[in-house]
Amino acid sequence: MKVAEVMSRGVDPVDPEATVQVAATQMAELDVGAVMVGTPDSITGILTDRDIILRLVVDGRNSAEVPVKEVMSSTVFSCRADDLVQDAFAEMRERQVRRMPVLNEEGRPIGIVTLSDLAKAIESPEQMKEHLREIHEPHRSRKAVEADEAVEAATAPPAPAAEQEANPEAVAGRH
């Protein structure tokens, strides 16, 4: 299945110079958790409800005075309408994002795809649960995970004597 089959179409990006209050009002009117920032031809960022909380509210800043460009996430990960749903899911998992702008062949934004859009295309509930778990975990490098696994293997307690006698090959593989 392709991203084009599950994405939301249409782009109404917020100007980077607009205030956060203007952007938040648009988010409320559309009942969405994020808006793209830029022009109809180019996306320069994405503003999420989380960005507003962590970069504005927590600091006690005034949403009517602060421009979107000071609060938005300026690193934008995107996909193409003809990408496979599985590839978009993998990108979201790798980047730990919940939404991505969708671009056409010329690189212009044509819509957005969210984690919930992609979840609709996943056939197996177990597969969907695993993808969601991976996206919501704190980001860790593969080397860090491998190092943790090596430490766990090295510090695992020895098997009980009865298990060692019954299956010495399996026990030897633990160390």
N, C-alpha and C. Protein backbone atom coordinates (compact mmCIF):
# COMPACT_ATOMS: atom_id res chain seq x y z
N MET A 1 0.85 -1.17 0.00
CA MET A 1 0.00 0.00 0.00
C MET A 1 0.90 1.24 0.00
N LYS A 2 0.48 2.27 -0.69
CA LYS A 2 1.25 3.50 -0.83
C LYS A 2 0.76 4.56 0.17
N VAL A 3 1.65 5.49 0.51
CA VAL A 3 1.32 6.59 1.42
C VAL A 3 0.13 7.39 0.87
N ALA A 4 0.07 7.55 -0.45
CA ALA A 4 -1.01 8.32 -1.08
C ALA A 4 -2.39 7.78 -0.71
N GLU A 5 -2.48 6.51 -0.38
CA GLU A 5 -3.76 5.89 -0.06
C GLU A 5 -4.25 6.19 1.36
N VAL A 6 -3.36 6.66 2.24
CA VAL A 6 -3.75 6.88 3.63
C VAL A 6 -3.51 8.30 4.13
N MET A 7 -2.80 9.11 3.36
CA MET A 7 -2.43 10.47 3.80
C MET A 7 -3.60 11.43 3.76
N SER A 8 -3.44 12.56 4.47
CA SER A 8 -4.40 13.66 4.38
C SER A 8 -3.87 14.62 3.33
N ARG A 9 -4.72 14.98 2.39
CA ARG A 9 -4.29 15.86 1.30
C ARG A 9 -4.58 17.32 1.62
N GLY A 10 -3.82 18.17 0.97
CA GLY A 10 -4.00 19.61 1.14
C GLY A 10 -2.94 20.18 2.06
N VAL A 11 -2.51 21.37 1.72
CA VAL A 11 -1.47 22.03 2.49
C VAL A 11 -1.89 23.47 2.73
N ASP A 12 -1.90 23.86 3.98
CA ASP A 12 -2.16 25.25 4.34
C ASP A 12 -1.11 25.63 5.39
N PRO A 13 0.15 25.78 4.94
CA PRO A 13 1.21 26.03 5.92
C PRO A 13 1.10 27.40 6.58
N VAL A 14 1.61 27.47 7.79
CA VAL A 14 1.65 28.70 8.56
C VAL A 14 2.94 29.43 8.18
N ASP A 15 2.84 30.75 8.06
CA ASP A 15 4.02 31.57 7.78
C ASP A 15 4.95 31.53 8.99
N PRO A 16 6.26 31.38 8.78
CA PRO A 16 7.19 31.34 9.91
C PRO A 16 7.18 32.61 10.75
N GLU A 17 6.75 33.73 10.16
CA GLU A 17 6.69 35.00 10.90
C GLU A 17 5.38 35.17 11.68
N ALA A 18 4.40 34.31 11.42
CA ALA A 18 3.13 34.38 12.15
C ALA A 18 3.38 34.09 13.62
N THR A 19 2.50 34.58 14.47
CA THR A 19 2.67 34.29 15.90
C THR A 19 2.23 32.87 16.22
N VAL A 20 2.74 32.36 17.31
CA VAL A 20 2.35 31.03 17.76
C VAL A 20 0.85 31.02 18.06
N GLN A 21 0.29 32.13 18.52
CA GLN A 21 -1.14 32.20 18.80
C GLN A 21 -1.94 31.95 17.51
N VAL A 22 -1.52 32.55 16.40
CA VAL A 22 -2.20 32.34 15.12
C VAL A 22 -2.12 30.87 14.73
N ALA A 23 -0.95 30.28 14.86
CA ALA A 23 -0.77 28.87 14.50
C ALA A 23 -1.60 27.96 15.42
N ALA A 24 -1.59 28.24 16.70
CA ALA A 24 -2.35 27.43 17.65
C ALA A 24 -3.84 27.53 17.37
N THR A 25 -4.30 28.70 16.98
CA THR A 25 -5.71 28.87 16.63
C THR A 25 -6.05 28.02 15.41
N GLN A 26 -5.18 28.00 14.42
CA GLN A 26 -5.39 27.16 13.24
C GLN A 26 -5.42 25.69 13.63
N MET A 27 -4.52 25.28 14.51
CA MET A 27 -4.50 23.89 14.97
C MET A 27 -5.81 23.54 15.66
N ALA A 28 -6.32 24.44 16.49
CA ALA A 28 -7.58 24.19 17.20
C ALA A 28 -8.75 24.11 16.23
N GLU A 29 -8.79 25.01 15.26
CA GLU A 29 -9.88 25.01 14.28
C GLU A 29 -9.89 23.75 13.43
N LEU A 30 -8.70 23.24 13.12
CA LEU A 30 -8.59 22.03 12.29
C LEU A 30 -8.60 20.75 13.14
N ASP A 31 -8.53 20.90 14.47
CA ASP A 31 -8.47 19.78 15.39
C ASP A 31 -7.30 18.85 15.05
N VAL A 32 -6.11 19.47 14.93
CA VAL A 32 -4.88 18.72 14.62
C VAL A 32 -3.82 19.06 15.67
N GLY A 33 -2.83 18.19 15.76
CA GLY A 33 -1.75 18.39 16.72
C GLY A 33 -0.51 19.01 16.13
N ALA A 34 -0.56 19.36 14.84
CA ALA A 34 0.61 19.96 14.19
C ALA A 34 0.19 20.68 12.93
N VAL A 35 0.99 21.68 12.57
CA VAL A 35 0.81 22.37 11.29
C VAL A 35 2.18 22.50 10.63
N MET A 36 2.17 22.45 9.31
CA MET A 36 3.40 22.67 8.57
C MET A 36 3.68 24.17 8.54
N VAL A 37 4.96 24.50 8.49
CA VAL A 37 5.40 25.90 8.46
C VAL A 37 6.17 26.13 7.17
N GLY A 38 5.84 27.22 6.48
CA GLY A 38 6.53 27.56 5.24
C GLY A 38 5.59 28.18 4.25
N THR A 39 5.75 27.79 2.98
CA THR A 39 4.92 28.28 1.89
C THR A 39 4.30 27.07 1.19
N PRO A 40 3.35 27.30 0.29
CA PRO A 40 2.80 26.17 -0.46
C PRO A 40 3.85 25.43 -1.31
N ASP A 41 4.98 26.09 -1.56
CA ASP A 41 6.03 25.46 -2.37
C ASP A 41 7.12 24.77 -1.55
N SER A 42 7.25 25.14 -0.29
CA SER A 42 8.37 24.65 0.50
C SER A 42 8.03 24.66 1.99
N ILE A 43 8.35 23.56 2.66
CA ILE A 43 8.13 23.45 4.10
C ILE A 43 9.47 23.69 4.80
N THR A 44 9.48 24.65 5.74
CA THR A 44 10.70 24.97 6.48
C THR A 44 10.69 24.42 7.89
N GLY A 45 9.54 23.94 8.33
CA GLY A 45 9.45 23.39 9.67
C GLY A 45 8.08 22.80 9.93
N ILE A 46 7.92 22.31 11.12
CA ILE A 46 6.63 21.79 11.55
C ILE A 46 6.45 22.23 13.00
N LEU A 47 5.27 22.67 13.33
CA LEU A 47 4.95 23.13 14.69
C LEU A 47 3.97 22.16 15.30
N THR A 48 4.36 21.57 16.41
CA THR A 48 3.49 20.61 17.09
C THR A 48 3.01 21.18 18.42
N ASP A 49 1.96 20.58 18.94
CA ASP A 49 1.47 20.99 20.25
C ASP A 49 2.57 20.82 21.30
N ARG A 50 3.37 19.80 21.15
CA ARG A 50 4.50 19.56 22.07
C ARG A 50 5.53 20.69 21.97
N ASP A 51 5.84 21.16 20.75
CA ASP A 51 6.76 22.29 20.59
C ASP A 51 6.25 23.51 21.36
N ILE A 52 4.96 23.77 21.24
CA ILE A 52 4.37 24.93 21.91
C ILE A 52 4.52 24.80 23.43
N ILE A 53 4.26 23.63 23.95
CA ILE A 53 4.35 23.43 25.40
C ILE A 53 5.79 23.56 25.88
N LEU A 54 6.71 22.86 25.21
CA LEU A 54 8.10 22.81 25.70
C LEU A 54 8.90 24.07 25.41
N ARG A 55 8.59 24.76 24.33
CA ARG A 55 9.42 25.91 23.94
C ARG A 55 8.75 27.26 24.16
N LEU A 56 7.51 27.24 24.62
CA LEU A 56 6.81 28.51 24.83
C LEU A 56 6.18 28.55 26.21
N VAL A 57 5.27 27.63 26.47
CA VAL A 57 4.52 27.64 27.72
C VAL A 57 5.45 27.44 28.92
N VAL A 58 6.32 26.46 28.86
CA VAL A 58 7.21 26.17 29.98
C VAL A 58 8.09 27.37 30.31
N ASP A 59 8.48 28.12 29.29
CA ASP A 59 9.34 29.29 29.49
C ASP A 59 8.54 30.56 29.83
N GLY A 60 7.22 30.46 29.87
CA GLY A 60 6.39 31.60 30.22
C GLY A 60 6.35 32.67 29.14
N ARG A 61 6.54 32.28 27.89
CA ARG A 61 6.55 33.25 26.79
C ARG A 61 5.12 33.52 26.32
N ASN A 62 4.92 34.67 25.70
CA ASN A 62 3.60 35.10 25.24
C ASN A 62 3.37 34.63 23.80
N SER A 63 2.38 33.78 23.59
CA SER A 63 2.10 33.23 22.26
C SER A 63 1.68 34.31 21.26
N ALA A 64 1.18 35.43 21.73
CA ALA A 64 0.77 36.52 20.84
C ALA A 64 1.96 37.35 20.37
N GLU A 65 3.13 37.12 20.96
CA GLU A 65 4.32 37.89 20.60
C GLU A 65 5.42 37.07 19.95
N VAL A 66 5.42 35.78 20.15
CA VAL A 66 6.52 34.93 19.68
C VAL A 66 6.21 34.38 18.28
N PRO A 67 7.13 34.56 17.33
CA PRO A 67 6.91 34.01 15.99
C PRO A 67 7.09 32.49 15.97
N VAL A 68 6.36 31.86 15.08
CA VAL A 68 6.40 30.41 14.92
C VAL A 68 7.83 29.91 14.70
N LYS A 69 8.63 30.64 13.93
CA LYS A 69 9.99 30.19 13.59
C LYS A 69 10.87 29.98 14.83
N GLU A 70 10.52 30.62 15.95
CA GLU A 70 11.30 30.45 17.19
C GLU A 70 10.90 29.22 17.98
N VAL A 71 9.79 28.62 17.64
CA VAL A 71 9.25 27.52 18.43
C VAL A 71 9.18 26.20 17.63
N MET A 72 9.08 26.31 16.32
CA MET A 72 8.88 25.14 15.45
C MET A 72 10.08 24.20 15.46
N SER A 73 9.85 22.99 15.04
CA SER A 73 10.93 22.04 14.78
C SER A 73 11.38 22.30 13.35
N SER A 74 12.64 22.67 13.20
CA SER A 74 13.12 23.03 11.87
C SER A 74 13.71 21.86 11.10
N THR A 75 13.95 20.76 11.77
CA THR A 75 14.37 19.55 11.07
C THR A 75 13.11 18.79 10.67
N VAL A 76 12.89 18.70 9.37
CA VAL A 76 11.66 18.09 8.87
C VAL A 76 12.01 16.81 8.11
N PHE A 77 11.41 15.72 8.51
CA PHE A 77 11.54 14.46 7.81
C PHE A 77 10.28 14.29 6.98
N SER A 78 10.44 13.94 5.71
CA SER A 78 9.28 13.84 4.83
C SER A 78 9.32 12.52 4.06
N CYS A 79 8.23 12.28 3.35
CA CYS A 79 8.15 11.11 2.49
C CYS A 79 7.46 11.52 1.20
N ARG A 80 7.36 10.61 0.28
CA ARG A 80 6.71 10.85 -1.01
C ARG A 80 5.39 10.09 -1.05
N ALA A 81 4.46 10.59 -1.83
CA ALA A 81 3.15 9.96 -1.95
C ALA A 81 3.25 8.53 -2.46
N ASP A 82 4.25 8.25 -3.30
CA ASP A 82 4.38 6.91 -3.86
C ASP A 82 5.26 5.98 -3.02
N ASP A 83 5.70 6.44 -1.85
CA ASP A 83 6.45 5.56 -0.93
C ASP A 83 5.51 4.49 -0.37
N LEU A 84 6.06 3.36 -0.06
CA LEU A 84 5.29 2.31 0.60
C LEU A 84 5.02 2.70 2.05
N VAL A 85 3.85 2.32 2.54
CA VAL A 85 3.47 2.60 3.93
C VAL A 85 4.53 2.05 4.88
N GLN A 86 5.04 0.86 4.61
CA GLN A 86 6.04 0.25 5.48
C GLN A 86 7.30 1.10 5.54
N ASP A 87 7.69 1.71 4.41
CA ASP A 87 8.89 2.56 4.40
C ASP A 87 8.67 3.83 5.21
N ALA A 88 7.48 4.41 5.09
CA ALA A 88 7.17 5.62 5.87
C ALA A 88 7.16 5.27 7.36
N PHE A 89 6.60 4.12 7.71
CA PHE A 89 6.59 3.68 9.11
C PHE A 89 8.01 3.50 9.62
N ALA A 90 8.86 2.89 8.80
CA ALA A 90 10.26 2.69 9.19
C ALA A 90 10.96 4.02 9.42
N GLU A 91 10.70 4.99 8.56
CA GLU A 91 11.30 6.33 8.72
C GLU A 91 10.81 6.99 10.01
N MET A 92 9.51 6.88 10.28
CA MET A 92 8.97 7.45 11.53
C MET A 92 9.59 6.78 12.74
N ARG A 93 9.74 5.48 12.66
CA ARG A 93 10.33 4.73 13.78
C ARG A 93 11.78 5.17 13.98
N GLU A 94 12.54 5.25 12.90
CA GLU A 94 13.95 5.64 12.98
C GLU A 94 14.11 7.06 13.53
N ARG A 95 13.27 7.96 13.06
CA ARG A 95 13.37 9.39 13.45
C ARG A 95 12.56 9.74 14.68
N GLN A 96 11.75 8.80 15.12
CA GLN A 96 10.85 8.98 16.28
C GLN A 96 9.97 10.22 16.12
N VAL A 97 9.28 10.26 14.99
CA VAL A 97 8.31 11.32 14.72
C VAL A 97 6.95 10.68 14.51
N ARG A 98 5.90 11.46 14.69
CA ARG A 98 4.54 10.94 14.58
C ARG A 98 3.81 11.44 13.36
N ARG A 99 4.45 12.36 12.62
CA ARG A 99 3.83 12.90 11.40
C ARG A 99 4.92 13.37 10.45
N MET A 100 4.62 13.26 9.16
CA MET A 100 5.58 13.70 8.15
C MET A 100 4.85 14.36 6.99
N PRO A 101 5.38 15.49 6.51
CA PRO A 101 4.85 16.07 5.28
C PRO A 101 5.05 15.09 4.12
N VAL A 102 4.11 15.09 3.20
CA VAL A 102 4.20 14.25 2.00
C VAL A 102 4.50 15.18 0.83
N LEU A 103 5.53 14.84 0.07
CA LEU A 103 5.95 15.66 -1.05
C LEU A 103 5.63 14.98 -2.38
N ASN A 104 5.42 15.82 -3.42
CA ASN A 104 5.22 15.26 -4.77
C ASN A 104 6.58 15.06 -5.44
N GLU A 105 6.57 14.70 -6.70
CA GLU A 105 7.80 14.41 -7.44
C GLU A 105 8.72 15.61 -7.52
N GLU A 106 8.16 16.82 -7.49
CA GLU A 106 8.97 18.04 -7.57
C GLU A 106 9.45 18.51 -6.20
N GLY A 107 9.08 17.80 -5.15
CA GLY A 107 9.49 18.18 -3.81
C GLY A 107 8.57 19.19 -3.15
N ARG A 108 7.41 19.44 -3.74
CA ARG A 108 6.43 20.36 -3.15
C ARG A 108 5.50 19.60 -2.21
N PRO A 109 5.14 20.21 -1.10
CA PRO A 109 4.23 19.54 -0.16
C PRO A 109 2.82 19.39 -0.73
N ILE A 110 2.26 18.20 -0.55
CA ILE A 110 0.90 17.94 -1.03
C ILE A 110 -0.02 17.43 0.08
N GLY A 111 0.54 17.19 1.26
CA GLY A 111 -0.27 16.69 2.36
C GLY A 111 0.60 16.27 3.52
N ILE A 112 -0.01 15.54 4.41
CA ILE A 112 0.70 15.06 5.60
C ILE A 112 0.22 13.65 5.91
N VAL A 113 1.10 12.85 6.46
CA VAL A 113 0.73 11.51 6.89
C VAL A 113 1.11 11.39 8.36
N THR A 114 0.22 10.79 9.13
CA THR A 114 0.44 10.64 10.56
C THR A 114 0.61 9.17 10.91
N LEU A 115 1.09 8.95 12.09
CA LEU A 115 1.25 7.60 12.59
C LEU A 115 -0.08 6.86 12.56
N SER A 116 -1.16 7.54 12.94
CA SER A 116 -2.47 6.87 12.94
C SER A 116 -2.93 6.55 11.52
N ASP A 117 -2.58 7.40 10.54
CA ASP A 117 -2.90 7.09 9.14
C ASP A 117 -2.22 5.79 8.72
N LEU A 118 -0.94 5.68 9.06
CA LEU A 118 -0.17 4.50 8.67
C LEU A 118 -0.64 3.26 9.42
N ALA A 119 -1.06 3.44 10.67
CA ALA A 119 -1.52 2.30 11.48
C ALA A 119 -2.73 1.63 10.85
N LYS A 120 -3.54 2.40 10.14
CA LYS A 120 -4.72 1.84 9.47
C LYS A 120 -4.34 0.83 8.40
N ALA A 121 -3.13 0.97 7.85
CA ALA A 121 -2.70 0.09 6.78
C ALA A 121 -1.96 -1.15 7.29
N ILE A 122 -1.66 -1.19 8.57
CA ILE A 122 -0.96 -2.34 9.13
C ILE A 122 -1.96 -3.46 9.36
N GLU A 123 -1.64 -4.63 8.85
CA GLU A 123 -2.59 -5.74 8.92
C GLU A 123 -2.61 -6.44 10.27
N SER A 124 -1.46 -6.61 10.89
CA SER A 124 -1.36 -7.38 12.12
C SER A 124 -1.36 -6.46 13.35
N PRO A 125 -2.26 -6.70 14.31
CA PRO A 125 -2.24 -5.90 15.54
C PRO A 125 -0.91 -5.99 16.28
N GLU A 126 -0.26 -7.17 16.24
CA GLU A 126 1.03 -7.33 16.90
C GLU A 126 2.08 -6.48 16.22
N GLN A 127 2.04 -6.45 14.88
CA GLN A 127 2.99 -5.64 14.11
C GLN A 127 2.78 -4.15 14.43
N MET A 128 1.53 -3.72 14.49
CA MET A 128 1.24 -2.33 14.80
C MET A 128 1.71 -1.99 16.22
N LYS A 129 1.46 -2.88 17.17
CA LYS A 129 1.88 -2.64 18.56
C LYS A 129 3.40 -2.50 18.65
N GLU A 130 4.13 -3.33 17.92
CA GLU A 130 5.59 -3.26 17.93
C GLU A 130 6.08 -1.95 17.33
N HIS A 131 5.51 -1.52 16.22
CA HIS A 131 5.90 -0.24 15.60
C HIS A 131 5.63 0.92 16.56
N LEU A 132 4.47 0.93 17.18
CA LEU A 132 4.13 2.01 18.11
C LEU A 132 5.07 2.03 19.30
N ARG A 133 5.40 0.87 19.82
CA ARG A 133 6.33 0.79 20.95
C ARG A 133 7.68 1.37 20.57
N GLU A 134 8.18 1.02 19.40
CA GLU A 134 9.49 1.49 18.96
C GLU A 134 9.50 3.00 18.74
N ILE A 135 8.41 3.54 18.22
CA ILE A 135 8.36 4.98 17.98
C ILE A 135 8.31 5.75 19.28
N HIS A 136 7.63 5.22 20.28
CA HIS A 136 7.46 5.94 21.53
C HIS A 136 8.59 5.72 22.52
N GLU A 137 9.52 4.77 22.25
CA GLU A 137 10.66 4.57 23.12
C GLU A 137 11.63 5.73 22.97
N PRO A 138 12.36 6.06 24.03
CA PRO A 138 13.41 7.07 23.88
C PRO A 138 14.39 6.61 22.82
N HIS A 139 14.88 7.56 22.04
CA HIS A 139 15.79 7.23 20.95
C HIS A 139 17.12 6.74 21.49
N ARG A 140 17.55 5.58 21.02
CA ARG A 140 18.82 5.03 21.42
C ARG A 140 19.50 4.47 20.19
N SER A 141 20.79 4.63 20.13
CA SER A 141 21.52 4.11 18.97
C SER A 141 21.56 2.59 19.04
N ARG A 142 21.74 1.98 17.88
CA ARG A 142 21.81 0.52 17.84
C ARG A 142 23.02 0.02 18.63
N LYS A 143 24.13 0.77 18.60
CA LYS A 143 25.32 0.36 19.35
C LYS A 143 25.04 0.35 20.84
N ALA A 144 24.27 1.32 21.33
CA ALA A 144 23.94 1.36 22.76
C ALA A 144 23.11 0.15 23.14
N VAL A 145 22.15 -0.21 22.29
CA VAL A 145 21.31 -1.38 22.55
C VAL A 145 22.17 -2.64 22.56
N GLU A 146 23.07 -2.78 21.57
CA GLU A 146 23.94 -3.95 21.50
C GLU A 146 24.85 -4.02 22.72
N ALA A 147 25.36 -2.88 23.18
CA ALA A 147 26.21 -2.85 24.36
C ALA A 147 25.43 -3.30 25.59
N ASP A 148 24.20 -2.83 25.73
CA ASP A 148 23.36 -3.24 26.85
C ASP A 148 23.10 -4.74 26.82
N GLU A 149 22.84 -5.28 25.64
CA GLU A 149 22.59 -6.72 25.51
C GLU A 149 23.83 -7.52 25.87
N ALA A 150 25.01 -7.03 25.49
CA ALA A 150 26.26 -7.73 25.83
C ALA A 150 26.48 -7.73 27.34
N VAL A 151 26.20 -6.63 27.99
CA VAL A 151 26.35 -6.54 29.45
C VAL A 151 25.37 -7.49 30.13
N GLU A 152 24.13 -7.53 29.64
CA GLU A 152 23.14 -8.44 30.23
C GLU A 152 23.58 -9.89 30.10
N ALA A 153 24.12 -10.26 28.93
CA ALA A 153 24.57 -11.63 28.71
C ALA A 153 25.75 -11.97 29.62
N ALA A 154 26.65 -11.02 29.79
CA ALA A 154 27.84 -11.27 30.61
C ALA A 154 27.52 -11.33 32.09
N THR A 155 26.48 -10.66 32.50
CA THR A 155 26.14 -10.62 33.93
C THR A 155 24.98 -11.52 34.31
N ALA A 156 24.51 -12.33 33.36
CA ALA A 156 23.39 -13.23 33.65
C ALA A 156 23.83 -14.26 34.68
N PRO A 157 22.98 -14.57 35.65
CA PRO A 157 23.35 -15.57 36.67
C PRO A 157 23.49 -16.95 36.02
N PRO A 158 24.34 -17.79 36.58
CA PRO A 158 24.50 -19.14 36.03
C PRO A 158 23.21 -19.94 36.19
N ALA A 159 23.02 -20.90 35.30
CA ALA A 159 21.83 -21.74 35.34
C ALA A 159 21.88 -22.65 36.55
N PRO A 160 20.73 -23.03 37.08
CA PRO A 160 20.71 -23.99 38.20
C PRO A 160 21.39 -25.30 37.80
N ALA A 161 21.94 -25.99 38.77
CA ALA A 161 22.69 -27.22 38.51
C ALA A 161 21.85 -28.25 37.77
N ALA A 162 20.59 -28.39 38.11
CA ALA A 162 19.73 -29.38 37.46
C ALA A 162 19.61 -29.06 35.97
N GLU A 163 19.51 -27.77 35.60
CA GLU A 163 19.41 -27.40 34.18
C GLU A 163 20.72 -27.66 33.47
N GLN A 164 21.87 -27.44 34.16
CA GLN A 164 23.17 -27.67 33.55
C GLN A 164 23.34 -29.14 33.20
N GLU A 165 22.90 -30.02 34.11
CA GLU A 165 23.03 -31.46 33.86
C GLU A 165 22.11 -31.89 32.73
N ALA A 166 20.90 -31.34 32.65
CA ALA A 166 19.94 -31.76 31.66
C ALA A 166 20.28 -31.24 30.27
N ASN A 167 20.86 -30.08 30.15
CA ASN A 167 21.11 -29.48 28.84
C ASN A 167 22.38 -28.63 28.87
N PRO A 168 23.56 -29.25 28.89
CA PRO A 168 24.80 -28.49 29.01
C PRO A 168 25.10 -27.57 27.82
N GLU A 169 24.65 -27.94 26.59
CA GLU A 169 24.91 -27.10 25.41
C GLU A 169 24.17 -25.77 25.52
N ALA A 170 22.92 -25.80 25.97
CA ALA A 170 22.14 -24.57 26.09
C ALA A 170 22.74 -23.65 27.13
N VAL A 171 23.20 -24.22 28.23
CA VAL A 171 23.79 -23.42 29.29
C VAL A 171 25.10 -22.81 28.81
N ALA A 172 25.90 -23.57 28.06
CA ALA A 172 27.18 -23.07 27.55
C ALA A 172 26.96 -21.88 26.63
N GLY A 173 25.85 -21.83 25.89
CA GLY A 173 25.57 -20.73 24.98
C GLY A 173 25.27 -19.43 25.70
N ARG A 174 24.98 -19.48 26.98
CA ARG A 174 24.65 -18.26 27.76
C ARG A 174 25.88 -17.44 28.06
N HIS A 175 27.02 -18.05 28.11
CA HIS A 175 28.21 -17.34 28.60
C HIS A 175 29.06 -16.87 27.49
